[in-house]
Amino acid sequence: MFLLKQTDKVVYEATTSGFMSENPLMKFEFTGAKKGDTLEFIITDNHGKTQTGSKKIK
């Protein structure tokens, strides 16, 4: 599962199969973001391991 949050608001969510690439390229757009807002990425693999990361919008 892939989840993208902007300031505690979910802006993108995807559930994928086990056949997805280890480093997939995903493209999406959303509105309402401002410079300086933080995007939080949450990825959960097929074994339940979760990885998180964040980036500020430039």
N, C-alpha and C. Protein backbone atom coordinates (compact mmCIF):
# COMPACT_ATOMS: atom_id res chain seq x y z
N MET A 1 0.84 -1.17 0.00
CA MET A 1 0.00 0.00 0.00
C MET A 1 0.89 1.24 0.00
N PHE A 2 0.46 2.23 -0.73
CA PHE A 2 1.19 3.51 -0.81
C PHE A 2 0.23 4.60 -0.39
N LEU A 3 0.65 5.43 0.55
CA LEU A 3 -0.19 6.50 1.07
C LEU A 3 0.61 7.79 1.06
N LEU A 4 -0.01 8.88 0.58
CA LEU A 4 0.62 10.19 0.57
C LEU A 4 -0.28 11.16 1.31
N LYS A 5 0.28 11.83 2.32
CA LYS A 5 -0.49 12.78 3.12
C LYS A 5 0.13 14.16 3.01
N GLN A 6 -0.72 15.16 2.98
CA GLN A 6 -0.29 16.55 3.04
C GLN A 6 -0.94 17.17 4.26
N THR A 7 -0.11 17.51 5.23
CA THR A 7 -0.59 18.11 6.48
C THR A 7 -1.77 17.31 7.04
N ASP A 8 -1.56 16.00 7.27
CA ASP A 8 -2.55 15.09 7.86
C ASP A 8 -3.79 14.84 6.99
N LYS A 9 -3.77 15.26 5.72
CA LYS A 9 -4.88 15.00 4.80
C LYS A 9 -4.37 14.03 3.73
N VAL A 10 -5.06 12.90 3.55
CA VAL A 10 -4.66 11.92 2.54
C VAL A 10 -4.98 12.50 1.16
N VAL A 11 -3.94 12.59 0.30
CA VAL A 11 -4.14 13.12 -1.05
C VAL A 11 -3.97 12.05 -2.12
N TYR A 12 -3.38 10.90 -1.77
CA TYR A 12 -3.22 9.81 -2.73
C TYR A 12 -3.07 8.51 -1.96
N GLU A 13 -3.80 7.48 -2.41
CA GLU A 13 -3.70 6.16 -1.78
C GLU A 13 -3.80 5.11 -2.88
N ALA A 14 -2.92 4.12 -2.84
CA ALA A 14 -2.93 3.05 -3.83
C ALA A 14 -2.62 1.73 -3.17
N THR A 15 -3.35 0.69 -3.57
CA THR A 15 -3.07 -0.66 -3.12
C THR A 15 -2.62 -1.42 -4.37
N THR A 16 -1.47 -2.08 -4.27
CA THR A 16 -0.89 -2.75 -5.44
C THR A 16 -0.73 -4.25 -5.17
N SER A 17 -0.44 -4.98 -6.23
CA SER A 17 -0.21 -6.42 -6.11
C SER A 17 1.26 -6.69 -5.80
N GLY A 18 1.59 -7.95 -5.58
CA GLY A 18 2.96 -8.36 -5.32
C GLY A 18 3.84 -8.28 -6.55
N PHE A 19 3.25 -7.99 -7.69
CA PHE A 19 4.01 -7.94 -8.94
C PHE A 19 4.56 -6.56 -9.26
N MET A 20 4.42 -5.63 -8.35
CA MET A 20 4.91 -4.27 -8.59
C MET A 20 6.41 -4.20 -8.40
N SER A 21 7.06 -3.36 -9.18
CA SER A 21 8.51 -3.16 -9.12
C SER A 21 8.93 -2.69 -7.73
N GLU A 22 10.18 -2.98 -7.36
CA GLU A 22 10.70 -2.54 -6.07
C GLU A 22 10.81 -1.02 -6.00
N ASN A 23 11.14 -0.38 -7.11
CA ASN A 23 11.25 1.09 -7.18
C ASN A 23 10.33 1.61 -8.28
N PRO A 24 9.03 1.61 -8.05
CA PRO A 24 8.10 2.02 -9.12
C PRO A 24 8.13 3.53 -9.35
N LEU A 25 7.77 3.92 -10.55
CA LEU A 25 7.62 5.34 -10.88
C LEU A 25 6.13 5.62 -10.88
N MET A 26 5.69 6.55 -10.02
CA MET A 26 4.27 6.88 -9.92
C MET A 26 4.11 8.37 -10.17
N LYS A 27 3.08 8.72 -10.92
CA LYS A 27 2.81 10.13 -11.19
C LYS A 27 1.38 10.44 -10.74
N PHE A 28 1.20 11.58 -10.10
CA PHE A 28 -0.12 12.00 -9.63
C PHE A 28 -0.10 13.51 -9.47
N GLU A 29 -1.26 14.11 -9.43
CA GLU A 29 -1.40 15.54 -9.21
C GLU A 29 -2.49 15.78 -8.18
N PHE A 30 -2.35 16.86 -7.43
CA PHE A 30 -3.40 17.26 -6.51
C PHE A 30 -3.32 18.77 -6.32
N THR A 31 -4.38 19.38 -5.84
CA THR A 31 -4.43 20.82 -5.65
C THR A 31 -4.51 21.15 -4.17
N GLY A 32 -4.25 22.39 -3.84
CA GLY A 32 -4.40 22.86 -2.48
C GLY A 32 -3.10 22.94 -1.69
N ALA A 33 -1.99 22.51 -2.29
CA ALA A 33 -0.71 22.55 -1.57
C ALA A 33 -0.08 23.93 -1.71
N LYS A 34 0.67 24.31 -0.68
CA LYS A 34 1.38 25.59 -0.69
C LYS A 34 2.86 25.35 -0.46
N LYS A 35 3.66 26.28 -0.90
CA LYS A 35 5.10 26.22 -0.67
C LYS A 35 5.35 26.10 0.84
N GLY A 36 6.20 25.15 1.21
CA GLY A 36 6.52 24.94 2.62
C GLY A 36 5.71 23.84 3.28
N ASP A 37 4.58 23.42 2.65
CA ASP A 37 3.80 22.30 3.18
C ASP A 37 4.66 21.04 3.15
N THR A 38 4.38 20.10 4.04
CA THR A 38 5.12 18.85 4.10
C THR A 38 4.28 17.71 3.54
N LEU A 39 4.90 16.89 2.67
CA LEU A 39 4.28 15.68 2.16
C LEU A 39 4.88 14.51 2.91
N GLU A 40 4.04 13.61 3.40
CA GLU A 40 4.50 12.42 4.12
C GLU A 40 4.15 11.20 3.29
N PHE A 41 5.14 10.35 3.04
CA PHE A 41 4.97 9.12 2.27
C PHE A 41 4.98 7.93 3.22
N ILE A 42 4.03 7.03 3.07
CA ILE A 42 3.96 5.83 3.89
C ILE A 42 3.78 4.64 2.95
N ILE A 43 4.73 3.71 2.99
CA ILE A 43 4.69 2.54 2.12
C ILE A 43 4.71 1.29 3.00
N THR A 44 3.77 0.38 2.75
CA THR A 44 3.72 -0.89 3.47
C THR A 44 3.88 -2.01 2.45
N ASP A 45 4.89 -2.88 2.65
CA ASP A 45 5.13 -3.97 1.70
C ASP A 45 4.26 -5.18 2.00
N ASN A 46 4.41 -6.24 1.19
CA ASN A 46 3.58 -7.44 1.33
C ASN A 46 3.81 -8.20 2.63
N HIS A 47 4.89 -7.91 3.33
CA HIS A 47 5.22 -8.58 4.59
C HIS A 47 4.83 -7.75 5.81
N GLY A 48 4.18 -6.59 5.58
CA GLY A 48 3.75 -5.73 6.67
C GLY A 48 4.80 -4.73 7.14
N LYS A 49 5.98 -4.70 6.49
CA LYS A 49 7.02 -3.75 6.84
C LYS A 49 6.64 -2.37 6.30
N THR A 50 6.73 -1.36 7.15
CA THR A 50 6.35 0.00 6.77
C THR A 50 7.57 0.91 6.72
N GLN A 51 7.61 1.74 5.67
CA GLN A 51 8.66 2.75 5.54
C GLN A 51 7.98 4.09 5.37
N THR A 52 8.56 5.12 5.99
CA THR A 52 8.00 6.45 5.88
C THR A 52 9.07 7.44 5.44
N GLY A 53 8.63 8.56 4.91
CA GLY A 53 9.54 9.62 4.52
C GLY A 53 8.73 10.90 4.35
N SER A 54 9.41 12.01 4.28
CA SER A 54 8.71 13.28 4.09
C SER A 54 9.58 14.25 3.31
N LYS A 55 8.92 15.19 2.64
CA LYS A 55 9.58 16.22 1.85
C LYS A 55 8.76 17.48 1.93
N LYS A 56 9.43 18.63 1.96
CA LYS A 56 8.73 19.91 1.92
C LYS A 56 8.55 20.33 0.46
N ILE A 57 7.40 20.96 0.18
CA ILE A 57 7.13 21.45 -1.16
C ILE A 57 7.94 22.73 -1.37
N LYS A 58 8.65 22.77 -2.49
CA LYS A 58 9.48 23.95 -2.80
C LYS A 58 8.70 24.98 -3.57
